[in-house]
Amino acid sequence: MLSRFSSPSYSLPLPFRHSFKPFSSLSPSPSQPTSSPSPSSLSSSLPLFLRPLSHSTSLSSLLSFHHWAKAQSLSVPSLSSDLLRQLSWFLQDTTSPHPSQPSTVLLRTELDNLYTLWRERVEQRKPFQYIVGCEHWRDLVLVVQEGVLIPRPETEILVDLVQEVQGFGDGVWVDLGTGSGALAVAIGKLMDGDSTGRVLGTDVSPVAVEVARFNVQRYGLEGKVEIRQGAWFEPLEDMKGKIAGIVSNPPYIPTSDLPGLQPEVGWYEPKLALDGGKDGIDHLLSICEGLAVALKPGGFFAFETNGDKQSELLANHLSTGYKSLFQKVKMVSDYCGIKRFVTGYRL
C-alpha cells in the first residue's frame, strides 16, 4: 500500500551525478511549479525538499553517511529493495554538488539530521514521503506531511475519468475529502486557462486544508481551485444543484482491518482518512446520499472504494435505491484489475 515515486533509481549518491537535476532543484522542471509559497503558509517547518541548500559537508562525510544508510537498509531484508531505492531519492532531494568546490556537497539540512531522518525511516518505519515532505503523483510533486493521507497511484485514475467527461473544463467540480489536494490540483491543471471551470476541494481536517492550499498556491491555481474546510458536503451549501462533477477518495478501510495495516500506514497516516467504519462504507454511503442534492442534472460522479465487494455493493445501491436519480452507474477497475471505482451520472 506504499505510494510510489516516479523518480528513477540510482546505485550511487546523486550528488556525484552533476548533470542530473532533481525535481526539488531550484530550477523548474516540466512537472514542477515555477514558484513556491513562503514557509509561513504552513504551520510546521518548510518541507525538506523545498528548503534552501544552506548547509554543507565534505564529500567524504556524505559518502560515510551513504555507506551507513545502505547498511541500515540492508539490515531489513523484507524492505531492503524499497529502502535502497528511497535512499537514492533521499539524497536526490536533500543534496546538491557545490558549484565551485568539488570536495564539498550542499545540503538542505545538517548532516546529523540526515542520520536522524534515515533512522526514523528504517527503525521507526516512518513513511518516506513524510520524511522528505513530498509525493510524486501523476505529473505533480505534492507537499505532504503527517496528518495528511499520502496520495496513492491508483487514485490517479479518478483524474483520467474526469478528463473523459465531455466539457468537464467548463463546470464546477468538487473533490470531497481532498487531503493533500491531489485530485483538486490535478483537475485544476487540466482546465484551460480561459475556461469557466473551477474546482472546490473540501476537507474536515485543518491540517489537510492547510497543506492542500499550499499545493494549490505552489502550482499557481488560486484562480481555479478553492479549498474549503468542513465535512463532505457541509461547505457546499451555496453549490446545491450546481455541481458538474464530484470525485472522492474517502476513508474506506473497515475499522477491524486497521490494526493489520503495514506500520508506514497504520502507525502514521491519519485514522480520519483511513477508517471507513465497521464495514468500511460509512463515508461512501454518506457521499451517495449527498450526490442527488449536490449535482446538477447530467452531473458526473466517481469515487474510490476498497475493491470488488464494496464497489459491487455501492453500484447496486445507487442503481436500485436511487434508480430514479442516477444513470449509467458502473464499476471501473484499477491498474491491477480490481473493481476500484464507481461512476455514474445524475438524471
Protein backbone atom coordinates (compact mmCIF):
# COMPACT_ATOMS: atom_id res chain seq x y z
CA MET A 1 0.00 0.00 0.00
CA LEU A 2 3.02 2.27 -0.07
CA SER A 3 2.94 5.01 -2.65
CA ARG A 4 5.46 5.04 -5.45
CA PHE A 5 7.74 7.78 -6.60
CA SER A 6 8.08 8.29 -10.32
CA SER A 7 11.79 9.03 -9.94
CA PRO A 8 14.38 6.58 -11.28
CA SER A 9 16.62 4.51 -9.05
CA TYR A 10 20.37 5.11 -8.85
CA SER A 11 23.12 3.00 -7.35
CA LEU A 12 25.30 5.93 -6.23
CA PRO A 13 24.51 9.07 -4.24
CA LEU A 14 23.08 11.59 -6.66
CA PRO A 15 25.37 14.47 -5.65
CA PHE A 16 28.05 12.78 -7.77
CA ARG A 17 25.88 13.00 -10.88
CA HIS A 18 26.47 16.63 -11.75
CA SER A 19 24.28 16.63 -14.86
CA PHE A 20 21.18 15.36 -13.02
CA LYS A 21 18.57 17.91 -11.95
CA PRO A 22 16.12 16.55 -9.37
CA PHE A 23 12.52 17.72 -9.09
CA SER A 24 13.49 19.65 -5.99
CA SER A 25 16.26 21.63 -7.65
CA LEU A 26 15.93 25.38 -7.66
CA SER A 27 15.37 25.45 -11.41
CA PRO A 28 11.85 24.41 -12.54
CA SER A 29 11.17 21.22 -14.47
CA PRO A 30 8.09 20.49 -16.61
CA SER A 31 6.29 18.82 -13.69
CA GLN A 32 7.41 21.32 -11.07
CA PRO A 33 5.70 24.59 -10.15
CA THR A 34 7.54 27.75 -11.13
CA SER A 35 7.32 29.24 -7.64
CA SER A 36 6.93 28.14 -4.05
CA PRO A 37 4.92 29.73 -1.26
CA SER A 38 6.70 31.13 1.74
CA PRO A 39 7.32 28.92 4.80
CA SER A 40 4.71 30.90 6.73
CA SER A 41 1.96 29.28 4.66
CA LEU A 42 2.48 26.02 6.58
CA SER A 43 2.24 25.84 10.35
CA SER A 44 5.16 23.42 10.56
CA SER A 45 8.60 23.90 9.05
CA LEU A 46 9.02 24.05 5.30
CA PRO A 47 9.12 20.55 3.76
CA LEU A 48 12.64 19.20 3.49
CA PHE A 49 12.70 19.02 -0.30
CA LEU A 50 11.83 22.75 -0.55
CA ARG A 51 14.37 24.06 1.93
CA PRO A 52 17.31 26.09 0.61
CA LEU A 53 20.73 24.50 0.23
CA SER A 54 22.01 26.39 3.24
CA HIS A 55 24.21 23.68 4.80
CA SER A 56 27.30 21.87 3.57
CA THR A 57 29.55 18.91 4.32
CA SER A 58 32.55 17.23 2.80
CA LEU A 59 32.12 14.68 0.04
CA SER A 60 33.85 12.07 2.21
CA SER A 61 31.41 12.71 5.07
CA LEU A 62 28.46 12.27 2.76
CA LEU A 63 29.98 9.04 1.45
CA SER A 64 30.26 7.82 5.03
CA PHE A 65 26.59 8.60 5.55
CA HIS A 66 25.68 6.76 2.36
CA HIS A 67 27.61 3.63 3.39
CA TRP A 68 26.00 3.71 6.85
CA ALA A 69 22.48 4.26 5.46
CA LYS A 70 22.94 1.49 2.92
CA ALA A 71 23.98 -0.92 5.69
CA GLN A 72 20.94 0.13 7.71
CA SER A 73 18.70 -0.52 4.73
CA LEU A 74 20.19 -3.97 4.09
CA SER A 75 19.57 -4.91 7.72
CA VAL A 76 15.85 -5.18 6.93
CA PRO A 77 15.74 -7.85 4.18
CA SER A 78 11.98 -7.60 3.65
CA LEU A 79 12.26 -3.88 2.86
CA SER A 80 15.82 -3.54 1.60
CA SER A 81 14.94 -3.14 -2.08
CA ASP A 82 12.49 -0.31 -1.37
CA LEU A 83 14.80 1.29 1.20
CA LEU A 84 17.79 1.33 -1.15
CA ARG A 85 15.69 2.96 -3.85
CA GLN A 86 14.35 5.51 -1.37
CA LEU A 87 17.88 6.21 -0.15
CA SER A 88 18.78 7.37 -3.64
CA TRP A 89 15.68 9.58 -3.73
CA PHE A 90 16.56 10.87 -0.26
CA LEU A 91 19.97 12.02 -1.44
CA GLN A 92 18.42 13.46 -4.58
CA ASP A 93 16.04 15.61 -2.57
CA THR A 94 18.46 16.75 0.13
CA THR A 95 21.85 17.30 -1.54
CA SER A 96 23.50 19.04 -4.47
CA PRO A 97 27.09 19.39 -5.71
CA HIS A 98 28.85 22.61 -4.72
CA PRO A 99 29.21 24.74 -7.87
CA SER A 100 32.89 25.58 -7.27
CA GLN A 101 34.22 23.17 -4.64
CA PRO A 102 34.24 19.55 -5.86
CA SER A 103 35.07 18.18 -2.41
CA THR A 104 32.04 19.90 -0.82
CA VAL A 105 28.36 19.00 -1.02
CA LEU A 106 25.45 21.35 -0.30
CA LEU A 107 22.65 20.12 1.96
CA ARG A 108 19.09 21.17 2.75
CA THR A 109 19.60 20.22 6.40
CA GLU A 110 22.52 19.39 8.70
CA LEU A 111 24.37 16.13 8.07
CA ASP A 112 23.48 14.91 11.57
CA ASN A 113 19.82 15.33 10.68
CA LEU A 114 20.22 13.06 7.66
CA TYR A 115 21.27 10.31 10.08
CA THR A 116 18.28 11.05 12.32
CA LEU A 117 15.81 11.05 9.45
CA TRP A 118 17.10 7.78 8.00
CA ARG A 119 16.87 6.10 11.41
CA GLU A 120 13.24 7.22 11.54
CA ARG A 121 12.65 5.64 8.14
CA VAL A 122 14.33 2.31 8.90
CA GLU A 123 13.88 1.79 12.63
CA GLN A 124 10.57 3.58 13.21
CA ARG A 125 9.06 2.82 9.78
CA LYS A 126 8.12 6.45 9.19
CA PRO A 127 6.84 6.88 5.61
CA PHE A 128 9.49 8.17 3.26
CA GLN A 129 7.10 10.80 1.92
CA TYR A 130 6.70 12.34 5.38
CA ILE A 131 10.47 12.48 5.79
CA VAL A 132 11.17 14.41 2.59
CA GLY A 133 7.80 16.18 2.63
CA CYS A 134 6.53 15.29 -0.83
CA GLU A 135 5.00 12.66 -3.07
CA HIS A 136 5.46 12.40 -6.82
CA TRP A 137 1.92 11.77 -8.08
CA ARG A 138 0.77 11.89 -11.67
CA ASP A 139 2.66 14.90 -13.09
CA LEU A 140 2.75 16.66 -9.72
CA VAL A 141 5.18 16.95 -6.83
CA LEU A 142 2.80 17.37 -3.91
CA VAL A 143 3.71 18.58 -0.45
CA VAL A 144 2.61 16.10 2.22
CA GLN A 145 3.13 15.96 5.97
CA GLU A 146 1.94 13.93 8.92
CA GLY A 147 -1.79 14.34 9.36
CA VAL A 148 -2.44 14.14 5.61
CA LEU A 149 -3.02 10.97 3.59
CA ILE A 150 -0.25 10.15 1.10
CA PRO A 151 -1.82 10.01 -2.41
CA ARG A 152 -1.83 6.53 -3.99
CA PRO A 153 -1.08 5.69 -7.62
CA GLU A 154 -4.48 4.12 -8.28
CA THR A 155 -6.24 7.36 -7.32
CA GLU A 156 -4.75 8.92 -10.46
CA ILE A 157 -7.43 7.03 -12.41
CA LEU A 158 -10.07 9.37 -10.98
CA VAL A 159 -8.40 12.23 -12.86
CA ASP A 160 -8.49 10.22 -16.08
CA LEU A 161 -12.20 9.54 -15.57
CA VAL A 162 -12.88 13.25 -15.15
CA GLN A 163 -10.92 14.07 -18.28
CA GLU A 164 -13.18 11.71 -20.28
CA VAL A 165 -16.31 13.70 -19.37
CA GLN A 166 -17.36 15.90 -22.26
CA GLY A 167 -16.96 19.59 -21.45
CA PHE A 168 -15.50 18.93 -18.00
CA GLY A 169 -13.36 22.06 -18.21
CA ASP A 170 -16.32 24.44 -18.09
CA GLY A 171 -18.09 23.18 -14.99
CA VAL A 172 -17.66 23.34 -11.23
CA TRP A 173 -16.03 20.19 -9.86
CA VAL A 174 -15.75 19.08 -6.25
CA ASP A 175 -13.12 16.91 -4.58
CA LEU A 176 -14.66 15.61 -1.34
CA GLY A 177 -12.05 14.87 1.34
CA THR A 178 -9.29 16.50 -0.67
CA GLY A 179 -6.40 15.64 1.71
CA SER A 180 -3.23 16.99 0.11
CA GLY A 181 -5.32 18.48 -2.68
CA ALA A 182 -4.03 15.93 -5.20
CA LEU A 183 -7.27 15.48 -7.15
CA ALA A 184 -8.27 19.13 -6.93
CA VAL A 185 -4.88 20.35 -8.17
CA ALA A 186 -4.67 17.73 -10.93
CA ILE A 187 -8.15 18.55 -12.25
CA GLY A 188 -7.48 22.28 -11.99
CA LYS A 189 -4.29 21.89 -14.01
CA LEU A 190 -6.22 20.13 -16.78
CA MET A 191 -8.62 23.02 -17.22
CA ASP A 192 -7.81 25.52 -19.91
CA GLY A 193 -6.80 28.89 -18.52
CA ASP A 194 -9.62 30.62 -20.42
CA SER A 195 -12.31 28.13 -19.42
CA THR A 196 -15.02 28.91 -16.89
CA GLY A 197 -14.38 25.73 -14.93
CA ARG A 198 -13.14 25.62 -11.36
CA VAL A 199 -12.60 23.10 -8.59
CA LEU A 200 -13.66 23.11 -4.95
CA GLY A 201 -11.87 20.83 -2.50
CA THR A 202 -13.34 20.12 0.92
CA ASP A 203 -11.81 18.50 4.00
CA VAL A 204 -12.72 18.42 7.68
CA SER A 205 -9.05 18.31 8.76
CA PRO A 206 -7.40 21.72 9.37
CA VAL A 207 -4.01 20.17 8.57
CA ALA A 208 -5.25 18.82 5.25
CA VAL A 209 -6.85 22.15 4.34
CA GLU A 210 -3.59 23.95 5.06
CA VAL A 211 -1.50 21.50 3.01
CA ALA A 212 -3.98 21.48 0.13
CA ARG A 213 -3.98 25.27 -0.04
CA PHE A 214 -0.18 25.20 -0.03
CA ASN A 215 -0.19 22.85 -3.04
CA VAL A 216 -2.77 24.98 -4.85
CA GLN A 217 -0.57 28.03 -4.34
CA ARG A 218 2.59 26.20 -5.42
CA TYR A 219 1.00 25.44 -8.77
CA GLY A 220 -0.45 28.93 -9.20
CA LEU A 221 -4.04 27.66 -9.31
CA GLU A 222 -5.64 30.10 -6.86
CA GLY A 223 -7.93 31.32 -9.65
CA LYS A 224 -9.09 27.79 -10.48
CA VAL A 225 -9.02 25.82 -7.23
CA GLU A 226 -10.53 26.74 -3.86
CA ILE A 227 -10.13 24.69 -0.67
CA ARG A 228 -12.91 24.84 1.93
CA GLN A 229 -12.91 23.35 5.41
CA GLY A 230 -15.78 21.12 6.50
CA ALA A 231 -17.05 17.55 6.37
CA TRP A 232 -18.07 16.30 2.93
CA PHE A 233 -20.93 18.48 1.59
CA GLU A 234 -21.14 20.87 4.56
CA PRO A 235 -19.04 23.66 2.94
CA LEU A 236 -21.07 23.44 -0.29
CA GLU A 237 -24.43 24.88 0.74
CA ASP A 238 -24.10 27.58 -1.91
CA MET A 239 -23.48 24.98 -4.63
CA LYS A 240 -26.57 22.75 -4.32
CA GLY A 241 -27.69 21.58 -7.73
CA LYS A 242 -24.89 23.47 -9.49
CA ILE A 243 -22.01 20.98 -9.44
CA ALA A 244 -20.92 19.42 -12.74
CA GLY A 245 -18.94 16.62 -11.16
CA ILE A 246 -17.88 15.12 -7.86
CA VAL A 247 -14.85 12.95 -7.14
CA SER A 248 -13.74 11.45 -3.86
CA ASN A 249 -11.24 9.07 -2.33
CA PRO A 250 -12.89 8.73 1.10
CA PRO A 251 -11.91 6.56 4.08
CA TYR A 252 -12.99 3.02 3.19
CA ILE A 253 -10.97 0.60 5.31
CA PRO A 254 -13.09 -1.41 7.80
CA THR A 255 -12.23 -0.46 11.37
CA SER A 256 -11.27 -4.03 12.24
CA ASP A 257 -8.67 -4.05 9.43
CA LEU A 258 -6.77 -1.01 10.70
CA PRO A 259 -4.51 -2.92 13.16
CA GLY A 260 -3.31 -5.15 10.31
CA LEU A 261 -2.07 -2.32 8.10
CA GLN A 262 1.66 -2.06 7.49
CA PRO A 263 3.41 0.22 10.00
CA GLU A 264 4.03 3.02 7.48
CA VAL A 265 0.25 3.32 7.09
CA GLY A 266 -1.27 2.25 10.39
CA TRP A 267 1.24 3.97 12.65
CA TYR A 268 1.48 7.28 10.81
CA GLU A 269 -1.25 8.09 8.32
CA PRO A 270 -4.32 9.81 9.80
CA LYS A 271 -7.03 7.43 11.01
CA LEU A 272 -9.52 10.08 9.94
CA ALA A 273 -8.53 9.43 6.31
CA LEU A 274 -8.47 5.62 6.62
CA ASP A 275 -11.29 4.43 8.89
CA GLY A 276 -14.49 3.75 6.96
CA GLY A 277 -16.43 2.32 9.90
CA LYS A 278 -17.47 -1.24 10.64
CA ASP A 279 -17.79 -2.37 7.02
CA GLY A 280 -15.70 0.42 5.51
CA ILE A 281 -18.65 2.04 3.74
CA ASP A 282 -19.96 4.61 6.24
CA HIS A 283 -18.49 7.60 4.41
CA LEU A 284 -19.21 6.15 0.98
CA LEU A 285 -22.91 5.83 1.86
CA SER A 286 -22.94 9.42 3.11
CA ILE A 287 -21.49 10.58 -0.19
CA CYS A 288 -24.12 8.60 -2.12
CA GLU A 289 -26.86 10.33 -0.13
CA GLY A 290 -25.50 13.77 -0.94
CA LEU A 291 -24.94 13.28 -4.66
CA ALA A 292 -28.54 13.84 -5.73
CA VAL A 293 -28.79 17.21 -3.99
CA ALA A 294 -25.34 18.48 -4.95
CA LEU A 295 -25.10 17.51 -8.62
CA LYS A 296 -26.85 19.37 -11.39
CA PRO A 297 -28.80 17.31 -13.98
CA GLY A 298 -26.28 15.39 -16.06
CA GLY A 299 -23.61 15.79 -13.39
CA PHE A 300 -20.94 13.10 -13.10
CA PHE A 301 -19.60 11.33 -10.03
CA ALA A 302 -16.67 8.99 -9.43
CA PHE A 303 -15.37 7.69 -6.12
CA GLU A 304 -12.80 5.19 -4.97
CA THR A 305 -13.59 2.11 -2.87
CA ASN A 306 -11.73 -0.67 -1.09
CA GLY A 307 -12.24 -3.04 -4.01
CA ASP A 308 -14.62 -5.50 -5.65
CA LYS A 309 -17.04 -6.16 -2.78
CA GLN A 310 -17.51 -2.50 -1.85
CA SER A 311 -17.80 -1.40 -5.47
CA GLU A 312 -20.42 -4.04 -6.23
CA LEU A 313 -22.43 -3.14 -3.12
CA LEU A 314 -22.39 0.59 -3.84
CA ALA A 315 -23.08 0.25 -7.57
CA ASN A 316 -26.11 -1.89 -6.73
CA HIS A 317 -27.16 0.59 -4.03
CA LEU A 318 -27.09 3.51 -6.48
CA SER A 319 -28.72 1.55 -9.31
CA THR A 320 -31.62 0.23 -7.24
CA GLY A 321 -32.10 2.51 -4.24
CA TYR A 322 -31.61 5.65 -6.33
CA LYS A 323 -32.68 4.35 -9.76
CA SER A 324 -34.85 7.42 -10.39
CA LEU A 325 -31.90 9.74 -9.73
CA PHE A 326 -28.84 8.20 -11.39
CA GLN A 327 -27.98 6.54 -14.68
CA LYS A 328 -25.05 4.76 -16.32
CA VAL A 329 -23.77 3.55 -12.93
CA LYS A 330 -20.77 1.29 -13.44
CA MET A 331 -17.61 -0.03 -11.83
CA VAL A 332 -14.14 0.77 -13.16
CA SER A 333 -11.06 -1.35 -12.46
CA ASP A 334 -7.69 -0.12 -11.23
CA TYR A 335 -4.27 -1.00 -12.65
CA CYS A 336 -4.44 -4.46 -11.05
CA GLY A 337 -7.87 -5.32 -12.43
CA ILE A 338 -9.65 -4.73 -9.10
CA LYS A 339 -13.05 -3.04 -9.32
CA ARG A 340 -11.88 0.06 -7.50
CA PHE A 341 -14.16 2.88 -8.66
CA VAL A 342 -17.90 3.54 -9.02
CA THR A 343 -19.07 6.14 -11.53
CA GLY A 344 -22.35 7.44 -12.87
CA TYR A 345 -24.46 10.45 -13.86
CA ARG A 346 -27.30 12.42 -12.27
CA LEU A 347 -30.55 12.22 -14.22
